[in-house]
Protein backbone atom coordinates (compact mmCIF):
# COMPACT_ATOMS: atom_id res chain seq x y z
CA MET A 1 31.65 34.89 -13.74
CA ARG A 2 28.44 32.94 -13.16
CA GLU A 3 30.34 30.25 -11.31
CA GLU A 4 31.85 32.89 -9.01
CA ARG A 5 28.39 34.33 -8.26
CA ALA A 6 26.99 30.86 -7.59
CA ALA A 7 29.88 30.06 -5.27
CA MET A 8 29.39 33.37 -3.45
CA LYS A 9 25.65 32.70 -3.04
CA GLU A 10 26.35 29.27 -1.57
CA LYS A 11 29.02 30.69 0.73
CA TYR A 12 26.69 33.33 2.22
CA LYS A 13 23.44 31.31 2.15
CA PRO A 14 23.76 30.09 5.78
CA LEU A 15 24.43 33.66 6.93
CA LEU A 16 21.33 34.92 5.12
CA VAL A 17 19.18 32.15 6.62
CA ALA A 18 20.52 32.94 10.10
CA LEU A 19 19.86 36.66 9.63
CA VAL A 20 16.28 36.11 8.47
CA THR A 21 15.62 33.65 11.33
CA PHE A 22 17.08 36.08 13.87
CA THR A 23 14.97 38.96 12.52
CA LEU A 24 11.77 36.91 12.68
CA MET A 25 12.50 35.71 16.21
CA LEU A 26 13.30 39.26 17.33
CA ASN A 27 9.99 40.51 15.91
CA VAL A 28 8.03 37.75 17.65
CA LEU A 29 9.77 38.38 20.97
CA THR A 30 9.20 42.13 20.68
CA PHE A 31 5.51 41.55 19.96
CA LEU A 32 5.10 39.14 22.87
CA ALA A 33 6.94 41.41 25.29
CA ALA A 34 4.78 44.39 24.33
CA ARG A 35 1.50 42.61 25.08
CA PRO A 36 -0.02 43.35 28.47
CA ARG A 37 0.33 40.63 31.05
CA ARG A 38 -3.41 39.96 31.36
CA GLU A 39 -3.63 39.09 27.65
CA ARG A 40 -1.02 36.37 28.16
CA GLU A 41 -2.78 34.85 31.16
CA ALA A 42 -5.32 32.18 30.31
CA THR A 43 -8.16 33.33 32.57
CA PRO A 44 -11.81 33.01 31.64
CA THR A 45 -13.43 36.32 30.76
CA ARG A 46 -16.95 37.58 30.57
CA ALA A 47 -16.71 37.60 26.77
CA GLU A 48 -15.76 33.94 26.73
CA ALA A 49 -18.53 33.08 29.18
CA THR A 50 -21.32 34.93 27.35
CA GLY A 51 -20.08 34.54 23.78
CA CYS A 52 -18.96 37.13 21.32
CA ARG A 53 -19.56 37.19 17.58
CA VAL A 54 -18.49 39.73 14.97
CA GLU A 55 -18.88 39.33 11.22
CA LEU A 56 -17.84 41.61 8.34
CA LEU A 57 -20.41 41.60 5.54
CA SER A 58 -19.02 44.29 3.24
CA PRO A 59 -16.87 45.18 1.54
CA LYS A 60 -15.96 41.74 0.25
CA PRO A 61 -12.31 40.58 0.23
CA GLY A 62 -10.43 41.90 -2.80
CA GLU A 63 -13.18 44.35 -3.71
CA THR A 64 -12.16 47.60 -5.42
CA VAL A 65 -13.43 50.62 -3.50
CA GLY A 66 -13.63 54.39 -4.00
CA PRO A 67 -12.22 57.11 -1.72
CA THR A 68 -14.95 56.68 0.93
CA GLY A 69 -17.55 54.09 1.78
CA VAL A 70 -18.98 51.96 4.54
CA VAL A 71 -17.96 48.80 6.31
CA LYS A 72 -20.98 46.73 7.40
CA GLY A 73 -21.40 43.74 9.62
CA THR A 74 -23.22 41.93 12.35
CA ALA A 75 -22.22 41.56 15.98
CA SER A 76 -23.17 40.34 19.39
CA ILE A 77 -20.67 41.61 21.97
CA PRO A 78 -20.52 41.55 25.78
CA ASP A 79 -21.93 44.43 27.83
CA GLY A 80 -19.28 47.03 28.58
CA SER A 81 -17.33 46.35 25.39
CA TYR A 82 -17.05 48.37 22.19
CA LEU A 83 -16.75 47.53 18.49
CA TRP A 84 -14.26 49.57 16.47
CA VAL A 85 -13.35 49.46 12.78
CA LEU A 86 -9.66 50.07 12.13
CA GLU A 87 -7.80 50.61 8.84
CA ARG A 88 -4.21 50.35 7.67
CA ARG A 89 -2.34 50.23 4.40
CA ARG A 90 -1.04 46.80 3.48
CA GLU A 91 2.57 47.94 3.76
CA GLY A 92 1.93 49.82 7.02
CA SER A 93 2.03 48.62 10.59
CA LEU A 94 -0.05 51.29 12.32
CA TRP A 95 -3.84 51.39 12.35
CA ARG A 96 -6.27 54.29 12.06
CA PRO A 97 -9.67 54.21 13.84
CA GLN A 98 -12.61 54.79 11.51
CA GLY A 99 -16.04 56.29 12.08
CA ARG A 100 -14.93 58.75 14.81
CA ALA A 101 -16.59 56.56 17.47
CA PRO A 102 -17.29 52.91 18.25
CA ALA A 103 -19.83 51.24 15.96
CA ARG A 104 -23.43 51.41 17.10
CA ILE A 105 -24.94 47.94 17.07
CA ARG A 106 -28.67 47.96 16.43
CA GLU A 107 -30.60 44.72 16.22
CA GLY A 108 -27.31 42.88 15.72
CA ARG A 109 -26.18 45.04 12.76
CA TRP A 110 -23.66 47.85 12.43
CA VAL A 111 -22.38 50.25 9.75
CA VAL A 112 -19.27 52.46 9.93
CA ARG A 113 -18.39 55.22 7.43
CA VAL A 114 -14.73 54.84 6.38
CA GLU A 115 -12.06 56.53 4.29
CA TYR A 116 -9.95 54.44 1.94
CA GLY A 117 -6.79 56.52 2.24
CA ASP A 118 -6.27 59.66 0.15
CA GLU A 119 -5.48 60.52 -3.48
CA ARG A 120 -1.94 59.13 -3.36
CA ASP A 121 -3.35 55.75 -2.23
CA ARG A 122 -4.97 54.88 -5.57
CA GLY A 123 -4.25 51.25 -6.41
CA ARG A 124 -3.07 50.40 -2.88
CA GLU A 125 -4.39 47.59 -0.76
CA PHE A 126 -5.96 48.31 2.62
CA TYR A 127 -6.88 46.11 5.57
CA PHE A 128 -9.96 46.78 7.65
CA ALA A 129 -10.40 45.09 11.01
CA ALA A 130 -13.46 44.91 13.25
CA VAL A 131 -12.31 44.55 16.85
CA VAL A 132 -13.99 44.39 20.25
CA VAL A 133 -12.28 46.30 23.06
CA ASP A 134 -12.95 46.97 26.73
CA VAL A 135 -13.81 50.36 28.26
CA GLY A 136 -10.17 51.31 28.95
CA VAL A 137 -8.99 50.61 25.41
CA ASN A 138 -12.11 52.36 24.06
CA GLN A 139 -11.14 55.51 25.99
CA GLN A 140 -7.62 55.32 24.56
CA ILE A 141 -8.93 55.01 21.00
CA GLU A 142 -11.41 57.86 21.51
CA GLY A 143 -8.48 60.00 22.70
CA TRP A 144 -6.61 59.66 19.41
CA VAL A 145 -6.68 62.68 17.17
CA GLU A 146 -8.61 62.01 13.97
CA GLY A 147 -6.28 60.71 11.27
CA GLN A 148 -3.59 59.71 13.77
CA ARG A 149 -2.34 56.14 13.54
CA MET A 150 -1.85 53.73 16.44
CA ARG A 151 -0.63 50.26 17.29
CA PHE A 152 -3.17 47.47 17.06
CA PRO A 153 -5.15 47.60 20.33
CA GLU A 154 -5.62 44.90 22.91
CA THR A 155 -8.92 43.16 22.19
CA VAL A 156 -11.40 41.41 24.46
CA PRO A 157 -10.35 37.74 24.81
CA GLY A 158 -12.89 35.45 23.21
CA CYS A 159 -13.91 38.02 20.59
CA LYS A 160 -12.31 37.07 17.29
CA ILE A 161 -10.84 39.80 15.13
CA GLN A 162 -12.47 40.04 11.71
CA MET A 163 -10.42 41.43 8.81
CA VAL A 164 -10.88 42.18 5.12
CA ALA A 165 -8.45 43.39 2.44
CA VAL A 166 -9.65 45.76 -0.30
CA ARG A 167 -8.01 47.76 -3.07
CA ARG A 168 -8.48 51.50 -3.54
CA GLY A 169 -9.63 52.32 -7.04
CA LYS A 170 -10.39 55.84 -8.30
């Protein structure tokens, strides 16, 4: 019986490898095709010319958090751009804007009040991302109904995305 299973595994192994490879390639192609053209073009931007820096200070990676809290950091972003904090469950693919508005940067520091899911999310891992977007993307994010999830937005080239993973406790 074991020999039959082993033979069957070997027989279908190339098919499994091909299927996994095809699925990965399809996901990459779908992602690349969905990106706006200007993101794919290598043109210098104002953010790249003037510099852009975003840092997440808290929570720390792997930290256990309660139902609500704050995400803190430092930033220096180009004029006409906006800093948003986004959240998603580890197993999810859609993001939820936090703080109801872009982060207010004062003297290089920012703080955004966040929700770490709801009661059924106890023990789950969450990702938080600090992203810099232009005025058009900012208007799109502001137009989302609170609690609604969205695809990851197009960010300002030259502004690195900062991300942290935490686990919901209580």
